[in-house]
Amino acid sequence: QAQLVESGGGSVQAGGSLTLSCVTSGLTNSRPCMGWFRQSPGKEREAVAAISSTTGDTHYADSVQGRVTISQDKAKNMVYLQMNSLKQEDTAMYYCAAKTWLTCALIRWERASSFDYWGQGTQVTVPS
């Protein structure tokens, strides 16, 4: 059974930067598409970025394009989300997700329903 654990969230002033981490287990050799999503109270879960573990291809939501970088360290089973120029509207719970056996280009990576496994989330707060 795969497990995903996020960390790195916190409170950061507008304009600041934050890097989230996701450590995975149980996904070895499953060549997953790894995604980051976020959810604010009363809103639907929203895709932020995704990366294909095999090709390294990345995908970004329009709302964060240019401010966010997704990366991976396969040797450490880690996926990262570096966020810059943070805005108040980036405040949300951020989740790491995995879809096994398919590259991100072959799934609707922007849909939460495309992913099989989820972490418990890490909170990011950008105060007004």
N, C-alpha and C. Protein backbone atom coordinates (compact mmCIF):
# COMPACT_ATOMS: atom_id res chain seq x y z
N GLN A 1 0.85 -1.19 0.00
CA GLN A 1 0.00 0.00 0.00
C GLN A 1 0.88 1.24 0.00
N ALA A 2 0.61 2.14 -0.92
CA ALA A 2 1.40 3.36 -1.02
C ALA A 2 1.06 4.32 0.10
N GLN A 3 2.06 5.06 0.53
CA GLN A 3 1.85 6.12 1.51
C GLN A 3 2.56 7.37 1.05
N LEU A 4 1.91 8.50 1.26
CA LEU A 4 2.47 9.80 0.91
C LEU A 4 2.37 10.69 2.14
N VAL A 5 3.45 11.36 2.46
CA VAL A 5 3.48 12.24 3.63
C VAL A 5 4.07 13.58 3.23
N GLU A 6 3.25 14.62 3.39
CA GLU A 6 3.68 15.97 3.06
C GLU A 6 4.29 16.66 4.27
N SER A 7 5.11 17.63 4.00
CA SER A 7 5.68 18.48 5.04
C SER A 7 6.13 19.79 4.41
N GLY A 8 6.46 20.74 5.28
CA GLY A 8 7.01 22.00 4.80
C GLY A 8 6.04 23.16 4.80
N GLY A 9 4.79 22.91 5.14
CA GLY A 9 3.84 24.00 5.18
C GLY A 9 4.12 24.94 6.33
N GLY A 10 3.42 26.06 6.32
CA GLY A 10 3.59 27.04 7.38
C GLY A 10 2.97 28.36 6.99
N SER A 11 3.26 29.36 7.79
CA SER A 11 2.77 30.71 7.53
C SER A 11 3.91 31.54 6.96
N VAL A 12 3.65 32.18 5.85
CA VAL A 12 4.68 32.98 5.19
C VAL A 12 4.03 34.26 4.66
N GLN A 13 4.75 35.34 4.75
CA GLN A 13 4.22 36.63 4.31
C GLN A 13 4.08 36.67 2.79
N ALA A 14 3.15 37.48 2.36
CA ALA A 14 2.95 37.65 0.92
C ALA A 14 4.26 38.07 0.26
N GLY A 15 4.53 37.46 -0.87
CA GLY A 15 5.77 37.72 -1.57
C GLY A 15 6.89 36.77 -1.22
N GLY A 16 6.66 35.99 -0.17
CA GLY A 16 7.68 35.05 0.29
C GLY A 16 7.66 33.75 -0.48
N SER A 17 8.52 32.84 -0.04
CA SER A 17 8.67 31.55 -0.71
C SER A 17 8.53 30.41 0.29
N LEU A 18 8.17 29.27 -0.23
CA LEU A 18 8.01 28.07 0.60
C LEU A 18 8.22 26.85 -0.28
N THR A 19 8.85 25.83 0.28
CA THR A 19 9.02 24.58 -0.45
C THR A 19 8.35 23.46 0.32
N LEU A 20 7.41 22.82 -0.32
CA LEU A 20 6.73 21.66 0.26
C LEU A 20 7.43 20.39 -0.19
N SER A 21 7.40 19.39 0.68
CA SER A 21 8.01 18.10 0.37
C SER A 21 6.98 17.00 0.52
N CYS A 22 7.14 15.96 -0.27
CA CYS A 22 6.29 14.79 -0.18
C CYS A 22 7.19 13.57 -0.26
N VAL A 23 7.20 12.77 0.80
CA VAL A 23 7.97 11.52 0.77
C VAL A 23 7.00 10.38 0.52
N THR A 24 7.38 9.50 -0.37
CA THR A 24 6.49 8.41 -0.75
C THR A 24 7.09 7.06 -0.37
N SER A 25 6.24 6.12 -0.17
CA SER A 25 6.65 4.74 0.04
C SER A 25 5.63 3.83 -0.63
N GLY A 26 6.10 2.66 -1.04
CA GLY A 26 5.19 1.72 -1.68
C GLY A 26 4.91 2.01 -3.15
N LEU A 27 5.63 2.98 -3.72
CA LEU A 27 5.42 3.32 -5.13
C LEU A 27 6.58 2.91 -6.01
N THR A 28 7.55 2.26 -5.42
CA THR A 28 8.74 1.88 -6.17
C THR A 28 8.37 1.04 -7.39
N ASN A 29 8.93 1.44 -8.52
CA ASN A 29 8.72 0.74 -9.79
C ASN A 29 7.31 0.91 -10.37
N SER A 30 6.49 1.72 -9.77
CA SER A 30 5.14 1.90 -10.31
C SER A 30 5.04 3.07 -11.26
N ARG A 31 6.15 3.77 -11.47
CA ARG A 31 6.25 4.84 -12.47
C ARG A 31 5.08 5.81 -12.40
N PRO A 32 4.85 6.41 -11.27
CA PRO A 32 3.66 7.23 -11.12
C PRO A 32 3.74 8.63 -11.71
N CYS A 33 2.57 9.18 -11.92
CA CYS A 33 2.42 10.62 -12.10
C CYS A 33 2.20 11.17 -10.69
N MET A 34 3.02 12.12 -10.29
CA MET A 34 2.89 12.72 -8.97
C MET A 34 2.31 14.12 -9.10
N GLY A 35 1.33 14.40 -8.29
CA GLY A 35 0.68 15.71 -8.38
C GLY A 35 0.62 16.43 -7.04
N TRP A 36 0.50 17.73 -7.12
CA TRP A 36 0.21 18.57 -5.95
C TRP A 36 -1.14 19.24 -6.19
N PHE A 37 -1.98 19.18 -5.18
CA PHE A 37 -3.28 19.82 -5.20
C PHE A 37 -3.40 20.71 -3.97
N ARG A 38 -4.38 21.58 -4.00
CA ARG A 38 -4.66 22.40 -2.83
C ARG A 38 -6.16 22.57 -2.67
N GLN A 39 -6.55 22.82 -1.43
CA GLN A 39 -7.97 23.00 -1.15
C GLN A 39 -8.14 24.00 -0.02
N SER A 40 -8.98 24.98 -0.29
CA SER A 40 -9.35 25.97 0.71
C SER A 40 -10.73 25.63 1.23
N PRO A 41 -11.07 26.09 2.43
CA PRO A 41 -12.40 25.81 2.98
C PRO A 41 -13.51 26.27 2.05
N GLY A 42 -14.45 25.38 1.78
CA GLY A 42 -15.58 25.72 0.94
C GLY A 42 -15.31 25.65 -0.54
N LYS A 43 -14.10 25.28 -0.91
CA LYS A 43 -13.75 25.21 -2.33
C LYS A 43 -13.37 23.78 -2.71
N GLU A 44 -13.45 23.50 -4.02
CA GLU A 44 -13.04 22.19 -4.51
C GLU A 44 -11.52 22.06 -4.50
N ARG A 45 -11.08 20.82 -4.47
CA ARG A 45 -9.65 20.57 -4.54
C ARG A 45 -9.15 20.97 -5.93
N GLU A 46 -8.06 21.72 -5.95
CA GLU A 46 -7.57 22.34 -7.17
C GLU A 46 -6.17 21.83 -7.49
N ALA A 47 -5.95 21.46 -8.76
CA ALA A 47 -4.62 21.02 -9.16
C ALA A 47 -3.65 22.18 -9.19
N VAL A 48 -2.43 21.91 -8.75
CA VAL A 48 -1.39 22.92 -8.77
C VAL A 48 -0.32 22.57 -9.80
N ALA A 49 0.20 21.35 -9.70
CA ALA A 49 1.27 20.92 -10.60
C ALA A 49 1.37 19.41 -10.58
N ALA A 50 2.03 18.87 -11.60
CA ALA A 50 2.24 17.43 -11.66
C ALA A 50 3.55 17.14 -12.38
N ILE A 51 4.11 15.98 -12.06
CA ILE A 51 5.36 15.57 -12.71
C ILE A 51 5.31 14.07 -12.95
N SER A 52 5.75 13.66 -14.13
CA SER A 52 5.82 12.24 -14.45
C SER A 52 7.15 11.70 -13.95
N SER A 53 7.10 10.66 -13.14
CA SER A 53 8.32 10.15 -12.53
C SER A 53 9.29 9.59 -13.55
N THR A 54 8.79 9.06 -14.66
CA THR A 54 9.66 8.43 -15.65
C THR A 54 10.28 9.43 -16.60
N THR A 55 9.48 10.36 -17.09
CA THR A 55 9.97 11.31 -18.10
C THR A 55 10.46 12.62 -17.50
N GLY A 56 9.99 12.95 -16.30
CA GLY A 56 10.30 14.25 -15.71
C GLY A 56 9.48 15.39 -16.27
N ASP A 57 8.56 15.08 -17.17
CA ASP A 57 7.69 16.13 -17.73
C ASP A 57 6.86 16.76 -16.62
N THR A 58 6.70 18.06 -16.69
CA THR A 58 5.96 18.79 -15.67
C THR A 58 4.76 19.50 -16.27
N HIS A 59 3.78 19.74 -15.42
CA HIS A 59 2.55 20.41 -15.81
C HIS A 59 2.17 21.37 -14.70
N TYR A 60 1.65 22.53 -15.08
CA TYR A 60 1.29 23.53 -14.09
C TYR A 60 -0.08 24.11 -14.37
N ALA A 61 -0.79 24.42 -13.29
CA ALA A 61 -2.05 25.14 -13.43
C ALA A 61 -1.75 26.57 -13.83
N ASP A 62 -2.65 27.15 -14.60
CA ASP A 62 -2.47 28.53 -15.06
C ASP A 62 -2.33 29.49 -13.88
N SER A 63 -3.02 29.19 -12.80
CA SER A 63 -3.05 30.11 -11.65
C SER A 63 -1.70 30.22 -10.95
N VAL A 64 -0.81 29.25 -11.16
CA VAL A 64 0.48 29.28 -10.48
C VAL A 64 1.66 29.30 -11.45
N GLN A 65 1.37 29.26 -12.73
CA GLN A 65 2.43 29.22 -13.75
C GLN A 65 3.42 30.35 -13.54
N GLY A 66 4.68 30.00 -13.52
CA GLY A 66 5.73 31.00 -13.34
C GLY A 66 6.10 31.25 -11.90
N ARG A 67 5.29 30.81 -10.96
CA ARG A 67 5.57 31.02 -9.52
C ARG A 67 5.89 29.73 -8.80
N VAL A 68 5.63 28.62 -9.45
CA VAL A 68 5.74 27.31 -8.80
C VAL A 68 6.61 26.38 -9.63
N THR A 69 7.40 25.57 -8.95
CA THR A 69 8.21 24.57 -9.62
C THR A 69 8.04 23.24 -8.90
N ILE A 70 7.68 22.22 -9.66
CA ILE A 70 7.59 20.87 -9.12
C ILE A 70 8.84 20.11 -9.54
N SER A 71 9.37 19.32 -8.63
CA SER A 71 10.58 18.56 -8.93
C SER A 71 10.56 17.26 -8.14
N GLN A 72 11.50 16.39 -8.45
CA GLN A 72 11.54 15.11 -7.77
C GLN A 72 12.97 14.67 -7.53
N ASP A 73 13.13 13.84 -6.52
CA ASP A 73 14.39 13.16 -6.27
C ASP A 73 14.03 11.69 -6.11
N LYS A 74 14.15 10.97 -7.21
CA LYS A 74 13.67 9.59 -7.20
C LYS A 74 14.49 8.71 -6.26
N ALA A 75 15.75 9.03 -6.09
CA ALA A 75 16.59 8.25 -5.18
C ALA A 75 16.09 8.33 -3.74
N LYS A 76 15.48 9.47 -3.41
CA LYS A 76 14.98 9.68 -2.05
C LYS A 76 13.46 9.49 -1.96
N ASN A 77 12.84 9.14 -3.07
CA ASN A 77 11.37 9.00 -3.10
C ASN A 77 10.69 10.29 -2.65
N MET A 78 11.19 11.39 -3.15
CA MET A 78 10.69 12.70 -2.75
C MET A 78 10.15 13.47 -3.96
N VAL A 79 9.11 14.23 -3.71
CA VAL A 79 8.58 15.18 -4.68
C VAL A 79 8.48 16.53 -3.96
N TYR A 80 8.85 17.59 -4.65
CA TYR A 80 8.88 18.91 -4.04
C TYR A 80 7.99 19.88 -4.81
N LEU A 81 7.52 20.88 -4.08
CA LEU A 81 6.78 21.97 -4.71
C LEU A 81 7.36 23.27 -4.16
N GLN A 82 8.12 23.95 -5.00
CA GLN A 82 8.68 25.23 -4.60
C GLN A 82 7.73 26.33 -5.05
N MET A 83 7.35 27.16 -4.11
CA MET A 83 6.40 28.23 -4.40
C MET A 83 7.03 29.58 -4.09
N ASN A 84 6.98 30.48 -5.04
CA ASN A 84 7.55 31.81 -4.90
C ASN A 84 6.46 32.86 -5.06
N SER A 85 6.79 34.06 -4.65
CA SER A 85 5.85 35.19 -4.79
C SER A 85 4.47 34.82 -4.29
N LEU A 86 4.44 34.26 -3.10
CA LEU A 86 3.18 33.76 -2.55
C LEU A 86 2.18 34.89 -2.35
N LYS A 87 0.90 34.54 -2.59
CA LYS A 87 -0.19 35.48 -2.45
C LYS A 87 -1.18 34.96 -1.42
N GLN A 88 -2.00 35.84 -0.94
CA GLN A 88 -3.00 35.44 0.03
C GLN A 88 -3.87 34.31 -0.52
N GLU A 89 -4.17 34.37 -1.81
CA GLU A 89 -5.04 33.34 -2.40
C GLU A 89 -4.36 31.97 -2.52
N ASP A 90 -3.07 31.89 -2.19
CA ASP A 90 -2.39 30.60 -2.15
C ASP A 90 -2.64 29.87 -0.84
N THR A 91 -3.29 30.54 0.09
CA THR A 91 -3.60 29.91 1.37
C THR A 91 -4.51 28.71 1.15
N ALA A 92 -4.08 27.55 1.62
CA ALA A 92 -4.84 26.32 1.41
C ALA A 92 -4.13 25.15 2.09
N MET A 93 -4.83 24.04 2.16
CA MET A 93 -4.19 22.78 2.51
C MET A 93 -3.64 22.20 1.21
N TYR A 94 -2.39 21.82 1.23
CA TYR A 94 -1.74 21.29 0.04
C TYR A 94 -1.55 19.78 0.19
N TYR A 95 -1.94 19.07 -0.86
CA TYR A 95 -1.90 17.62 -0.85
C TYR A 95 -1.00 17.08 -1.96
N CYS A 96 -0.29 16.03 -1.63
CA CYS A 96 0.48 15.28 -2.60
C CYS A 96 -0.35 14.08 -3.04
N ALA A 97 -0.27 13.74 -4.32
CA ALA A 97 -1.08 12.64 -4.85
C ALA A 97 -0.27 11.83 -5.86
N ALA A 98 -0.67 10.59 -6.04
CA ALA A 98 0.02 9.71 -6.98
C ALA A 98 -0.97 8.90 -7.80
N LYS A 99 -0.66 8.80 -9.08
CA LYS A 99 -1.38 7.92 -10.00
C LYS A 99 -0.36 6.96 -10.57
N THR A 100 -0.54 5.69 -10.28
CA THR A 100 0.48 4.73 -10.67
C THR A 100 0.34 4.29 -12.12
N TRP A 101 1.47 3.93 -12.71
CA TRP A 101 1.55 3.26 -14.00
C TRP A 101 1.20 4.10 -15.22
N LEU A 102 0.95 5.39 -15.03
CA LEU A 102 0.65 6.25 -16.17
C LEU A 102 1.40 7.56 -16.04
N THR A 103 1.88 8.07 -17.16
CA THR A 103 2.48 9.40 -17.11
C THR A 103 1.37 10.44 -16.99
N CYS A 104 1.75 11.62 -16.56
CA CYS A 104 0.75 12.67 -16.35
C CYS A 104 0.07 13.05 -17.66
N ALA A 105 0.80 12.92 -18.77
CA ALA A 105 0.24 13.30 -20.06
C ALA A 105 -0.90 12.37 -20.49
N LEU A 106 -0.97 11.20 -19.90
CA LEU A 106 -1.98 10.23 -20.29
C LEU A 106 -3.22 10.26 -19.39
N ILE A 107 -3.19 11.10 -18.39
CA ILE A 107 -4.35 11.22 -17.51
C ILE A 107 -4.79 12.68 -17.46
N ARG A 108 -5.94 12.90 -16.92
CA ARG A 108 -6.38 14.26 -16.68
C ARG A 108 -5.77 14.69 -15.36
N TRP A 109 -4.49 15.10 -15.39
CA TRP A 109 -3.74 15.36 -14.18
C TRP A 109 -4.36 16.48 -13.36
N GLU A 110 -5.15 17.34 -14.00
CA GLU A 110 -5.76 18.45 -13.28
C GLU A 110 -6.99 18.04 -12.49
N ARG A 111 -7.36 16.79 -12.60
CA ARG A 111 -8.53 16.29 -11.88
C ARG A 111 -8.09 15.44 -10.70
N ALA A 112 -8.61 15.74 -9.53
CA ALA A 112 -8.28 14.97 -8.34
C ALA A 112 -8.70 13.51 -8.48
N SER A 113 -9.77 13.28 -9.20
CA SER A 113 -10.30 11.92 -9.36
C SER A 113 -9.36 11.04 -10.18
N SER A 114 -8.38 11.62 -10.85
CA SER A 114 -7.43 10.84 -11.64
C SER A 114 -6.40 10.13 -10.78
N PHE A 115 -6.27 10.52 -9.53
CA PHE A 115 -5.20 10.03 -8.66
C PHE A 115 -5.69 8.97 -7.69
N ASP A 116 -4.80 8.01 -7.42
CA ASP A 116 -5.15 6.87 -6.59
C ASP A 116 -4.81 7.06 -5.12
N TYR A 117 -3.70 7.74 -4.85
CA TYR A 117 -3.19 7.83 -3.49
C TYR A 117 -3.00 9.28 -3.09
N TRP A 118 -3.25 9.54 -1.81
CA TRP A 118 -3.19 10.91 -1.30
C TRP A 118 -2.48 10.95 0.04
N GLY A 119 -1.81 12.07 0.27
CA GLY A 119 -1.26 12.33 1.59
C GLY A 119 -2.30 13.01 2.47
N GLN A 120 -1.89 13.33 3.68
CA GLN A 120 -2.82 13.92 4.65
C GLN A 120 -2.87 15.45 4.54
N GLY A 121 -1.92 16.01 3.81
CA GLY A 121 -1.94 17.45 3.58
C GLY A 121 -1.03 18.22 4.51
N THR A 122 -0.61 19.39 4.04
CA THR A 122 0.17 20.33 4.85
C THR A 122 -0.37 21.73 4.58
N GLN A 123 -0.57 22.48 5.64
CA GLN A 123 -1.25 23.78 5.54
C GLN A 123 -0.26 24.88 5.17
N VAL A 124 -0.66 25.67 4.20
CA VAL A 124 0.09 26.87 3.82
C VAL A 124 -0.81 28.08 4.06
N THR A 125 -0.32 29.04 4.80
CA THR A 125 -1.09 30.23 5.12
C THR A 125 -0.28 31.46 4.73
N VAL A 126 -0.91 32.31 3.95
CA VAL A 126 -0.32 33.59 3.58
C VAL A 126 -1.23 34.66 4.15
N PRO A 127 -0.88 35.24 5.27
CA PRO A 127 -1.77 36.20 5.94
C PRO A 127 -2.00 37.44 5.10
N SER A 128 -3.17 38.02 5.32
CA SER A 128 -3.49 39.26 4.59
C SER A 128 -2.79 40.45 5.22
